[in-house]
């Protein structure tokens, strides 16, 4: 029987895009270790629609 790992897939969504009112969404899929980072993850990623680097926050 294989042991299940602590690594899970999470979706990161742009925080600035929702406020701008422009249609579409900027999302990234990544993995994180639940044991090391139990709270929601935040990363600076490129938003192709806004054409700049913005803060992307983990969504459920």
PDB file of N, CA and C in Angstrom:
ATOM      1  N   UNK A   1       0.834  -1.187   0.000  1.00  0.00           N
ATOM      2  CA  UNK A   1       0.000   0.000   0.000  1.00  0.00           C
ATOM      3  C   UNK A   1       0.886   1.262   0.000  1.00  0.00           C
ATOM      4  N   UNK A   2       0.669   2.154  -0.951  1.00  0.00           N
ATOM      5  CA  UNK A   2       1.494   3.356  -1.087  1.00  0.00           C
ATOM      6  C   UNK A   2       1.023   4.461  -0.144  1.00  0.00           C
ATOM      7  N   UNK A   3       1.986   5.172   0.441  1.00  0.00           N
ATOM      8  CA  UNK A   3       1.676   6.283   1.340  1.00  0.00           C
ATOM      9  C   UNK A   3       1.323   7.515   0.518  1.00  0.00           C
ATOM     10  N   UNK A   4       0.272   8.205   0.921  1.00  0.00           N
ATOM     11  CA  UNK A   4      -0.148   9.413   0.224  1.00  0.00           C
ATOM     12  C   UNK A   4       0.730  10.586   0.668  1.00  0.00           C
ATOM     13  N   UNK A   5       1.192  11.392  -0.274  1.00  0.00           N
ATOM     14  CA  UNK A   5       2.097  12.501   0.026  1.00  0.00           C
ATOM     15  C   UNK A   5       1.378  13.742   0.519  1.00  0.00           C
ATOM     16  N   UNK A   6       2.161  14.715   0.962  1.00  0.00           N
ATOM     17  CA  UNK A   6       1.632  15.994   1.439  1.00  0.00           C
ATOM     18  C   UNK A   6       1.470  17.007   0.317  1.00  0.00           C
ATOM     19  N   UNK A   7       1.959  16.677  -0.876  1.00  0.00           N
ATOM     20  CA  UNK A   7       1.923  17.605  -2.005  1.00  0.00           C
ATOM     21  C   UNK A   7       0.546  17.592  -2.674  1.00  0.00           C
ATOM     22  N   UNK A   8      -0.046  18.790  -2.838  1.00  0.00           N
ATOM     23  CA  UNK A   8      -1.363  18.917  -3.462  1.00  0.00           C
ATOM     24  C   UNK A   8      -1.314  19.967  -4.566  1.00  0.00           C
ATOM     25  N   UNK A   9      -2.204  19.821  -5.547  1.00  0.00           N
ATOM     26  CA  UNK A   9      -2.323  20.804  -6.624  1.00  0.00           C
ATOM     27  C   UNK A   9      -3.181  21.965  -6.158  1.00  0.00           C
ATOM     28  N   UNK A  10      -2.767  23.191  -6.480  1.00  0.00           N
ATOM     29  CA  UNK A  10      -3.542  24.387  -6.129  1.00  0.00           C
ATOM     30  C   UNK A  10      -3.675  25.279  -7.356  1.00  0.00           C
ATOM     31  N   UNK A  11      -4.726  26.093  -7.367  1.00  0.00           N
ATOM     32  CA  UNK A  11      -4.970  27.030  -8.461  1.00  0.00           C
ATOM     33  C   UNK A  11      -4.720  28.435  -7.936  1.00  0.00           C
ATOM     34  N   UNK A  12      -3.899  29.192  -8.665  1.00  0.00           N
ATOM     35  CA  UNK A  12      -3.611  30.577  -8.305  1.00  0.00           C
ATOM     36  C   UNK A  12      -4.373  31.491  -9.265  1.00  0.00           C
ATOM     37  N   UNK A  13      -5.099  32.472  -8.721  1.00  0.00           N
ATOM     38  CA  UNK A  13      -5.885  33.398  -9.544  1.00  0.00           C
ATOM     39  C   UNK A  13      -5.443  34.833  -9.276  1.00  0.00           C
ATOM     40  N   UNK A  14      -5.421  35.645 -10.315  1.00  0.00           N
ATOM     41  CA  UNK A  14      -4.991  37.038 -10.227  1.00  0.00           C
ATOM     42  C   UNK A  14      -5.944  37.851  -9.347  1.00  0.00           C
ATOM     43  N   UNK A  15      -5.380  38.678  -8.464  1.00  0.00           N
ATOM     44  CA  UNK A  15      -6.201  39.507  -7.572  1.00  0.00           C
ATOM     45  C   UNK A  15      -6.590  40.829  -8.241  1.00  0.00           C
ATOM     46  N   UNK A  16      -5.724  41.378  -9.073  1.00  0.00           N
ATOM     47  CA  UNK A  16      -5.993  42.667  -9.730  1.00  0.00           C
ATOM     48  C   UNK A  16      -6.987  42.552 -10.877  1.00  0.00           C
ATOM     49  N   UNK A  17      -7.044  41.388 -11.516  1.00  0.00           N
ATOM     50  CA  UNK A  17      -7.890  41.211 -12.701  1.00  0.00           C
ATOM     51  C   UNK A  17      -9.376  41.358 -12.370  1.00  0.00           C
ATOM     52  N   UNK A  18      -9.813  40.816 -11.232  1.00  0.00           N
ATOM     53  CA  UNK A  18     -11.223  40.912 -10.831  1.00  0.00           C
ATOM     54  C   UNK A  18     -11.660  42.364 -10.675  1.00  0.00           C
ATOM     55  N   UNK A  19     -10.807  43.182 -10.078  1.00  0.00           N
ATOM     56  CA  UNK A  19     -11.118  44.586  -9.819  1.00  0.00           C
ATOM     57  C   UNK A  19     -11.128  45.441 -11.081  1.00  0.00           C
ATOM     58  N   UNK A  20     -10.376  45.026 -12.116  1.00  0.00           N
ATOM     59  CA  UNK A  20     -10.237  45.836 -13.323  1.00  0.00           C
ATOM     60  C   UNK A  20     -11.506  45.851 -14.185  1.00  0.00           C
ATOM     61  N   UNK A  21     -12.329  44.804 -14.085  1.00  0.00           N
ATOM     62  CA  UNK A  21     -13.556  44.744 -14.875  1.00  0.00           C
ATOM     63  C   UNK A  21     -13.352  44.217 -16.286  1.00  0.00           C
ATOM     64  N   UNK A  22     -12.130  43.887 -16.663  1.00  0.00           N
ATOM     65  CA  UNK A  22     -11.831  43.333 -17.985  1.00  0.00           C
ATOM     66  C   UNK A  22     -12.243  41.857 -17.995  1.00  0.00           C
ATOM     67  N   UNK A  23     -12.940  41.393 -19.055  1.00  0.00           N
ATOM     68  CA  UNK A  23     -13.369  39.987 -19.078  1.00  0.00           C
ATOM     69  C   UNK A  23     -12.193  39.015 -19.155  1.00  0.00           C
ATOM     70  N   UNK A  24     -12.412  37.812 -18.629  1.00  0.00           N
ATOM     71  CA  UNK A  24     -11.384  36.773 -18.632  1.00  0.00           C
ATOM     72  C   UNK A  24     -10.748  36.637 -17.262  1.00  0.00           C
ATOM     73  N   UNK A  25      -9.940  35.582 -17.094  1.00  0.00           N
ATOM     74  CA  UNK A  25      -9.231  35.378 -15.830  1.00  0.00           C
ATOM     75  C   UNK A  25      -7.813  34.905 -16.108  1.00  0.00           C
ATOM     76  N   UNK A  26      -6.926  35.216 -15.186  1.00  0.00           N
ATOM     77  CA  UNK A  26      -5.545  34.745 -15.266  1.00  0.00           C
ATOM     78  C   UNK A  26      -5.358  33.740 -14.149  1.00  0.00           C
ATOM     79  N   UNK A  27      -5.137  32.469 -14.504  1.00  0.00           N
ATOM     80  CA  UNK A  27      -4.975  31.409 -13.515  1.00  0.00           C
ATOM     81  C   UNK A  27      -3.754  30.560 -13.830  1.00  0.00           C
ATOM     82  N   UNK A  28      -3.111  30.081 -12.781  1.00  0.00           N
ATOM     83  CA  UNK A  28      -1.979  29.169 -12.886  1.00  0.00           C
ATOM     84  C   UNK A  28      -2.230  27.967 -11.989  1.00  0.00           C
ATOM     85  N   UNK A  29      -1.771  26.796 -12.395  1.00  0.00           N
ATOM     86  CA  UNK A  29      -1.854  25.589 -11.573  1.00  0.00           C
ATOM     87  C   UNK A  29      -0.442  25.252 -11.116  1.00  0.00           C
ATOM     88  N   UNK A  30      -0.287  25.009  -9.821  1.00  0.00           N
ATOM     89  CA  UNK A  30       1.004  24.644  -9.262  1.00  0.00           C
ATOM     90  C   UNK A  30       0.787  23.654  -8.125  1.00  0.00           C
ATOM     91  N   UNK A  31       1.869  23.204  -7.504  1.00  0.00           N
ATOM     92  CA  UNK A  31       1.752  22.299  -6.368  1.00  0.00           C
ATOM     93  C   UNK A  31       2.393  22.932  -5.146  1.00  0.00           C
ATOM     94  N   UNK A  32       1.931  22.511  -3.970  1.00  0.00           N
ATOM     95  CA  UNK A  32       2.531  22.979  -2.734  1.00  0.00           C
ATOM     96  C   UNK A  32       2.523  21.850  -1.716  1.00  0.00           C
ATOM     97  N   UNK A  33       3.408  21.949  -0.744  1.00  0.00           N
ATOM     98  CA  UNK A  33       3.469  20.989   0.333  1.00  0.00           C
ATOM     99  C   UNK A  33       2.574  21.500   1.455  1.00  0.00           C
ATOM    100  N   UNK A  34       1.488  20.771   1.740  1.00  0.00           N
ATOM    101  CA  UNK A  34       0.503  21.202   2.737  1.00  0.00           C
ATOM    102  C   UNK A  34       1.104  21.318   4.135  1.00  0.00           C
ATOM    103  N   UNK A  35       2.089  20.485   4.420  1.00  0.00           N
ATOM    104  CA  UNK A  35       2.711  20.475   5.751  1.00  0.00           C
ATOM    105  C   UNK A  35       3.542  21.744   5.982  1.00  0.00           C
ATOM    106  N   UNK A  36       4.292  22.171   4.959  1.00  0.00           N
ATOM    107  CA  UNK A  36       5.155  23.353   5.082  1.00  0.00           C
ATOM    108  C   UNK A  36       4.400  24.664   4.935  1.00  0.00           C
ATOM    109  N   UNK A  37       3.368  24.695   4.070  1.00  0.00           N
ATOM    110  CA  UNK A  37       2.587  25.921   3.842  1.00  0.00           C
ATOM    111  C   UNK A  37       1.105  25.624   4.000  1.00  0.00           C
ATOM    112  N   UNK A  38       0.609  25.588   5.247  1.00  0.00           N
ATOM    113  CA  UNK A  38      -0.809  25.277   5.460  1.00  0.00           C
ATOM    114  C   UNK A  38      -1.752  26.412   5.047  1.00  0.00           C
ATOM    115  N   UNK A  39      -1.273  27.671   5.085  1.00  0.00           N
ATOM    116  CA  UNK A  39      -2.128  28.799   4.706  1.00  0.00           C
ATOM    117  C   UNK A  39      -2.122  28.985   3.191  1.00  0.00           C
ATOM    118  N   UNK A  40      -2.953  29.913   2.713  1.00  0.00           N
ATOM    119  CA  UNK A  40      -3.068  30.138   1.276  1.00  0.00           C
ATOM    120  C   UNK A  40      -1.801  30.767   0.698  1.00  0.00           C
ATOM    121  N   UNK A  41      -1.461  30.310  -0.488  1.00  0.00           N
ATOM    122  CA  UNK A  41      -0.224  30.712  -1.141  1.00  0.00           C
ATOM    123  C   UNK A  41      -0.427  31.981  -1.960  1.00  0.00           C
ATOM    124  N   UNK A  42       0.606  32.826  -2.039  1.00  0.00           N
ATOM    125  CA  UNK A  42       0.591  34.033  -2.867  1.00  0.00           C
ATOM    126  C   UNK A  42       1.883  34.087  -3.656  1.00  0.00           C
ATOM    127  N   UNK A  43       1.782  34.328  -4.959  1.00  0.00           N
ATOM    128  CA  UNK A  43       2.965  34.432  -5.807  1.00  0.00           C
ATOM    129  C   UNK A  43       2.769  35.551  -6.818  1.00  0.00           C
ATOM    130  N   UNK A  44       3.866  36.176  -7.224  1.00  0.00           N
ATOM    131  CA  UNK A  44       3.809  37.157  -8.299  1.00  0.00           C
ATOM    132  C   UNK A  44       3.987  36.406  -9.609  1.00  0.00           C
ATOM    133  N   UNK A  45       2.999  36.502 -10.490  1.00  0.00           N
ATOM    134  CA  UNK A  45       3.021  35.815 -11.781  1.00  0.00           C
ATOM    135  C   UNK A  45       2.614  36.806 -12.873  1.00  0.00           C
ATOM    136  N   UNK A  46       2.906  36.458 -14.119  1.00  0.00           N
ATOM    137  CA  UNK A  46       2.574  37.314 -15.259  1.00  0.00           C
ATOM    138  C   UNK A  46       1.116  37.139 -15.666  1.00  0.00           C
ATOM    139  N   UNK A  47       0.420  38.249 -15.825  1.00  0.00           N
ATOM    140  CA  UNK A  47      -0.956  38.248 -16.311  1.00  0.00           C
ATOM    141  C   UNK A  47      -0.915  38.716 -17.769  1.00  0.00           C
ATOM    142  N   UNK A  48      -1.214  37.812 -18.695  1.00  0.00           N
ATOM    143  CA  UNK A  48      -1.115  38.114 -20.129  1.00  0.00           C
ATOM    144  C   UNK A  48      -2.171  39.119 -20.578  1.00  0.00           C
ATOM    145  N   UNK A  49      -3.317  39.150 -19.938  1.00  0.00           N
ATOM    146  CA  UNK A  49      -4.388  40.064 -20.337  1.00  0.00           C
ATOM    147  C   UNK A  49      -4.055  41.499 -19.926  1.00  0.00           C
ATOM    148  N   UNK A  50      -3.561  41.675 -18.699  1.00  0.00           N
ATOM    149  CA  UNK A  50      -3.156  43.007 -18.218  1.00  0.00           C
ATOM    150  C   UNK A  50      -1.741  43.374 -18.666  1.00  0.00           C
ATOM    151  N   UNK A  51      -1.003  42.392 -19.177  1.00  0.00           N
ATOM    152  CA  UNK A  51       0.374  42.566 -19.670  1.00  0.00           C
ATOM    153  C   UNK A  51       1.319  43.110 -18.613  1.00  0.00           C
ATOM    154  N   UNK A  52       1.207  42.557 -17.390  1.00  0.00           N
ATOM    155  CA  UNK A  52       2.142  42.921 -16.318  1.00  0.00           C
ATOM    156  C   UNK A  52       2.154  41.836 -15.250  1.00  0.00           C
ATOM    157  N   UNK A  53       3.124  41.913 -14.368  1.00  0.00           N
ATOM    158  CA  UNK A  53       3.250  40.949 -13.270  1.00  0.00           C
ATOM    159  C   UNK A  53       2.347  41.401 -12.134  1.00  0.00           C
ATOM    160  N   UNK A  54       1.493  40.481 -11.660  1.00  0.00           N
ATOM    161  CA  UNK A  54       0.553  40.801 -10.587  1.00  0.00           C
ATOM    162  C   UNK A  54       0.596  39.709  -9.522  1.00  0.00           C
ATOM    163  N   UNK A  55      -0.043  39.976  -8.392  1.00  0.00           N
ATOM    164  CA  UNK A  55      -0.116  38.997  -7.303  1.00  0.00           C
ATOM    165  C   UNK A  55      -1.225  38.006  -7.612  1.00  0.00           C
ATOM    166  N   UNK A  56      -0.899  36.712  -7.551  1.00  0.00           N
ATOM    167  CA  UNK A  56      -1.875  35.643  -7.753  1.00  0.00           C
ATOM    168  C   UNK A  56      -2.040  34.918  -6.430  1.00  0.00           C
ATOM    169  N   UNK A  57      -3.287  34.731  -5.984  1.00  0.00           N
ATOM    170  CA  UNK A  57      -3.585  34.113  -4.705  1.00  0.00           C
ATOM    171  C   UNK A  57      -4.294  32.775  -4.904  1.00  0.00           C
ATOM    172  N   UNK A  58      -4.037  31.865  -4.005  1.00  0.00           N
ATOM    173  CA  UNK A  58      -4.649  30.519  -4.073  1.00  0.00           C
ATOM    174  C   UNK A  58      -6.156  30.599  -3.857  1.00  0.00           C
ATOM    175  N   UNK A  59      -6.901  29.847  -4.674  1.00  0.00           N
ATOM    176  CA  UNK A  59      -8.363  29.746  -4.514  1.00  0.00           C
ATOM    177  C   UNK A  59      -8.709  28.314  -4.181  1.00  0.00           C
ATOM    178  N   UNK A  60      -9.891  28.101  -3.634  1.00  0.00           N
ATOM    179  CA  UNK A  60     -10.322  26.736  -3.266  1.00  0.00           C
ATOM    180  C   UNK A  60     -10.899  26.025  -4.466  1.00  0.00           C
TER     181      UNK A  60
END
